[in-house]
Amino acid sequence: MECLGVSSVQNLKDLSALLATQQDDDDDEDCKNVRACAQMGPGHIGPPPKKDKEVSAGHVKKNSKDIWREEEVAEGSQYDDLADPRPQPEYEIILKQSVGTEDLFLGLNRKDPSSMCCEAMLVKIKLPDTKATDVVLDVKEKFLDLRTLKYKLGLHLPHPIHSDRGKAQFFSEREELEVTLLMKRPMDVINMQ
């Protein structure tokens, strides 16, 4: 390996002088030593970072032993019970929309087959050997919890829903529960006109 020549050292000093700001002129005596200049990296280019001692309110940790804040925990996680041996029943999620002749033939309401134009979600749950009286159903904005003697279903919903405006119907002949849930859409005012 070749040692650095005098011109290479001078080139490094010239480059350092170009990159240094006026307030760093006092530090030029430190850079006269080649080893000190070699310790500089890309982080030394530009003005020095500001050191704020203020901590934002979102990063303040309370004096509790909680690992997560309440808003960080997914809705419905309190229903997850890994020790529960009951199997999950078969289910199907179907998105529904109200379509009239003006939508079908004329396209007046600007509806399309995408999920953005759907108003409701239908969840079909197959519950063999189950009576309607054995079903316990709890619906939250983003979570559906169903419990029977033989089955357990904790379903995170793909879209937020209005939990107070849904309806459920049990069909004994098909041994199936149908839960219809109205979806919350932030752009409903624009999309549904």
Protein backbone atom coordinates (compact mmCIF):
# COMPACT_ATOMS: atom_id res chain seq x y z
CA MET A 1 0.00 0.00 0.00
CA GLU A 2 1.14 3.50 -0.75
CA CYS A 3 1.31 6.10 1.96
CA LEU A 4 -0.67 9.26 1.55
CA GLY A 5 1.37 11.87 -0.24
CA VAL A 6 1.60 15.53 0.69
CA SER A 7 -0.78 16.43 -2.15
CA SER A 8 -3.39 13.92 -0.86
CA VAL A 9 -3.25 15.43 2.59
CA GLN A 10 -3.60 18.90 1.11
CA ASN A 11 -6.58 17.73 -0.98
CA LEU A 12 -8.29 16.42 2.18
CA LYS A 13 -7.67 19.71 3.95
CA ASP A 14 -9.08 21.66 0.99
CA LEU A 15 -12.15 19.42 0.87
CA SER A 16 -12.65 19.83 4.60
CA ALA A 17 -12.42 23.61 4.27
CA LEU A 18 -15.07 23.59 1.53
CA LEU A 19 -17.51 21.50 3.54
CA ALA A 20 -17.01 23.26 6.86
CA THR A 21 -19.34 26.09 7.87
CA GLN A 22 -18.12 29.39 9.27
CA GLN A 23 -18.74 28.31 12.84
CA ASP A 24 -16.58 25.23 12.29
CA ASP A 25 -13.52 27.39 11.45
CA ASP A 26 -12.35 27.01 15.04
CA ASP A 27 -12.31 23.24 14.54
CA ASP A 28 -9.88 23.50 11.57
CA GLU A 29 -6.89 23.13 13.91
CA ASP A 30 -8.22 19.68 14.87
CA CYS A 31 -8.41 18.65 11.21
CA LYS A 32 -4.75 19.41 10.60
CA ASN A 33 -4.07 15.97 11.90
CA VAL A 34 -4.84 13.37 9.21
CA ARG A 35 -6.19 10.88 11.76
CA ALA A 36 -8.76 13.37 13.05
CA CYS A 37 -9.96 14.02 9.48
CA ALA A 38 -10.18 10.28 8.83
CA GLN A 39 -12.63 9.93 11.73
CA MET A 40 -15.13 12.26 10.05
CA GLY A 41 -18.04 10.63 8.29
CA PRO A 42 -21.15 11.60 6.32
CA GLY A 43 -22.87 12.64 9.53
CA HIS A 44 -20.41 15.49 10.01
CA ILE A 45 -21.52 17.25 6.78
CA GLY A 46 -23.86 20.19 7.32
CA PRO A 47 -24.98 21.96 10.46
CA PRO A 48 -24.87 20.02 13.71
CA PRO A 49 -28.18 18.45 14.77
CA LYS A 50 -30.28 20.30 17.31
CA LYS A 51 -30.52 18.64 20.69
CA ASP A 52 -34.05 19.17 21.96
CA LYS A 53 -34.71 18.07 25.48
CA GLU A 54 -38.45 18.34 24.95
CA VAL A 55 -40.24 15.03 24.63
CA SER A 56 -43.47 14.87 22.67
CA ALA A 57 -46.61 13.82 24.52
CA GLY A 58 -46.97 10.71 22.32
CA HIS A 59 -43.67 9.29 23.54
CA VAL A 60 -44.09 9.93 27.26
CA LYS A 61 -44.20 6.67 29.14
CA LYS A 62 -46.43 6.50 32.16
CA ASN A 63 -45.29 4.97 35.42
CA SER A 64 -47.25 1.80 34.82
CA LYS A 65 -46.02 -1.62 33.80
CA ASP A 66 -48.23 -1.71 30.71
CA ILE A 67 -46.46 -2.78 27.56
CA TRP A 68 -48.98 -1.24 25.12
CA ARG A 69 -51.29 1.73 25.29
CA GLU A 70 -54.99 0.94 25.01
CA GLU A 71 -55.28 2.43 21.50
CA GLU A 72 -52.44 0.16 20.26
CA VAL A 73 -54.24 -3.08 21.12
CA ALA A 74 -56.43 -4.45 18.34
CA GLU A 75 -60.14 -4.53 19.08
CA GLY A 76 -61.29 -8.01 20.00
CA SER A 77 -57.95 -9.26 21.31
CA GLN A 78 -59.51 -9.73 24.75
CA TYR A 79 -61.57 -12.59 23.23
CA ASP A 80 -58.50 -14.54 22.05
CA ASP A 81 -58.23 -17.59 24.27
CA LEU A 82 -55.57 -20.03 23.12
CA ALA A 83 -56.49 -22.55 25.80
CA ASP A 84 -60.05 -22.90 24.43
CA PRO A 85 -60.19 -26.20 22.48
CA ARG A 86 -63.41 -25.39 20.58
CA PRO A 87 -62.90 -25.36 16.80
CA GLN A 88 -63.60 -22.38 14.57
CA PRO A 89 -66.69 -22.88 12.39
CA GLU A 90 -66.67 -22.37 8.63
CA TYR A 91 -67.65 -18.85 7.64
CA GLU A 92 -67.94 -16.68 4.56
CA ILE A 93 -67.94 -12.89 4.21
CA ILE A 94 -69.99 -11.41 1.37
CA LEU A 95 -70.13 -7.70 0.58
CA LYS A 96 -73.54 -6.38 -0.47
CA GLN A 97 -74.74 -3.26 -2.23
CA SER A 98 -78.18 -1.98 -3.16
CA VAL A 99 -78.41 -1.73 -6.93
CA GLY A 100 -81.43 -0.46 -8.83
CA THR A 101 -82.24 -0.37 -12.53
CA GLU A 102 -80.80 3.13 -12.81
CA ASP A 103 -77.45 1.72 -11.62
CA LEU A 104 -77.58 -1.42 -13.70
CA PHE A 105 -78.64 0.02 -17.06
CA LEU A 106 -77.88 3.73 -16.89
CA GLY A 107 -75.08 4.01 -14.33
CA LEU A 108 -76.63 7.16 -12.82
CA ASN A 109 -75.41 6.66 -9.23
CA ARG A 110 -71.76 6.04 -10.16
CA LYS A 111 -71.73 2.63 -8.43
CA ASP A 112 -69.28 -0.01 -9.51
CA PRO A 113 -68.61 -3.61 -8.34
CA SER A 114 -65.77 -2.54 -6.01
CA SER A 115 -65.99 -2.84 -2.25
CA MET A 116 -66.01 0.98 -1.94
CA CYS A 117 -69.60 1.02 -3.21
CA CYS A 118 -70.88 -1.70 -0.84
CA GLU A 119 -73.23 -0.75 1.98
CA ALA A 120 -73.37 -3.98 3.99
CA MET A 121 -71.38 -7.05 4.92
CA LEU A 122 -73.03 -10.47 5.20
CA VAL A 123 -71.23 -13.03 7.37
CA LYS A 124 -72.51 -16.60 6.89
CA ILE A 125 -71.42 -18.97 9.67
CA LYS A 126 -72.07 -22.70 9.44
CA LEU A 127 -72.98 -24.14 12.87
CA PRO A 128 -73.79 -27.86 12.55
CA ASP A 129 -75.60 -29.48 15.47
CA THR A 130 -76.29 -26.09 17.09
CA LYS A 131 -79.56 -24.53 18.27
CA ALA A 132 -80.33 -20.81 17.98
CA THR A 133 -80.63 -20.58 21.77
CA ASP A 134 -77.01 -21.78 22.19
CA VAL A 135 -75.55 -18.91 20.14
CA VAL A 136 -73.92 -15.95 21.92
CA LEU A 137 -73.02 -13.14 19.51
CA ASP A 138 -71.15 -9.91 20.27
CA VAL A 139 -70.39 -7.40 17.50
CA LYS A 140 -67.96 -4.49 17.84
CA GLU A 141 -66.91 -1.93 15.24
CA LYS A 142 -64.10 -4.12 13.87
CA PHE A 143 -64.66 -7.49 15.55
CA LEU A 144 -67.31 -10.24 15.62
CA ASP A 145 -67.29 -12.70 18.53
CA LEU A 146 -69.46 -15.82 18.32
CA ARG A 147 -69.60 -18.52 20.99
CA THR A 148 -71.61 -21.74 21.11
CA LEU A 149 -71.21 -24.95 23.11
CA LYS A 150 -69.24 -26.55 20.25
CA TYR A 151 -67.71 -23.60 18.34
CA LYS A 152 -65.83 -20.36 18.91
CA LEU A 153 -65.23 -17.64 16.29
CA GLY A 154 -63.27 -14.43 16.84
CA LEU A 155 -63.39 -12.61 13.48
CA HIS A 156 -61.57 -9.37 12.74
CA LEU A 157 -63.79 -7.64 10.18
CA PRO A 158 -62.26 -6.29 6.94
CA HIS A 159 -64.15 -2.96 7.22
CA PRO A 160 -65.49 -1.00 10.22
CA ILE A 161 -69.23 -1.45 10.78
CA HIS A 162 -72.10 0.15 12.69
CA SER A 163 -72.34 -2.29 15.60
CA ASP A 164 -75.79 -1.08 16.66
CA ARG A 165 -77.47 -1.39 13.23
CA GLY A 166 -76.84 -5.03 12.32
CA LYS A 167 -79.17 -8.00 12.31
CA ALA A 168 -78.70 -11.74 12.75
CA GLN A 169 -80.88 -14.61 11.61
CA PHE A 170 -80.44 -18.34 12.34
CA PHE A 171 -81.65 -20.87 9.74
CA SER A 172 -82.26 -24.20 11.48
CA GLU A 173 -82.76 -26.18 8.27
CA ARG A 174 -79.33 -25.11 6.91
CA GLU A 175 -77.74 -24.91 10.39
CA GLU A 176 -76.37 -21.51 9.46
CA LEU A 177 -76.26 -18.08 11.08
CA GLU A 178 -76.40 -15.03 8.83
CA VAL A 179 -75.21 -11.73 10.30
CA THR A 180 -75.83 -8.60 8.22
CA LEU A 181 -73.74 -5.60 9.25
CA LEU A 182 -73.96 -2.06 7.85
CA MET A 183 -70.51 -0.77 6.96
CA LYS A 184 -69.03 2.56 8.08
CA ARG A 185 -67.56 4.45 5.18
CA PRO A 186 -65.82 7.82 5.65
CA MET A 187 -66.54 8.73 2.03
CA ASP A 188 -70.20 7.59 1.98
CA VAL A 189 -71.42 11.12 1.38
CA ILE A 190 -69.38 11.34 -1.80
CA ASN A 191 -69.57 7.73 -3.07
CA MET A 192 -73.25 7.05 -2.43
CA GLN A 193 -74.76 10.08 -4.19
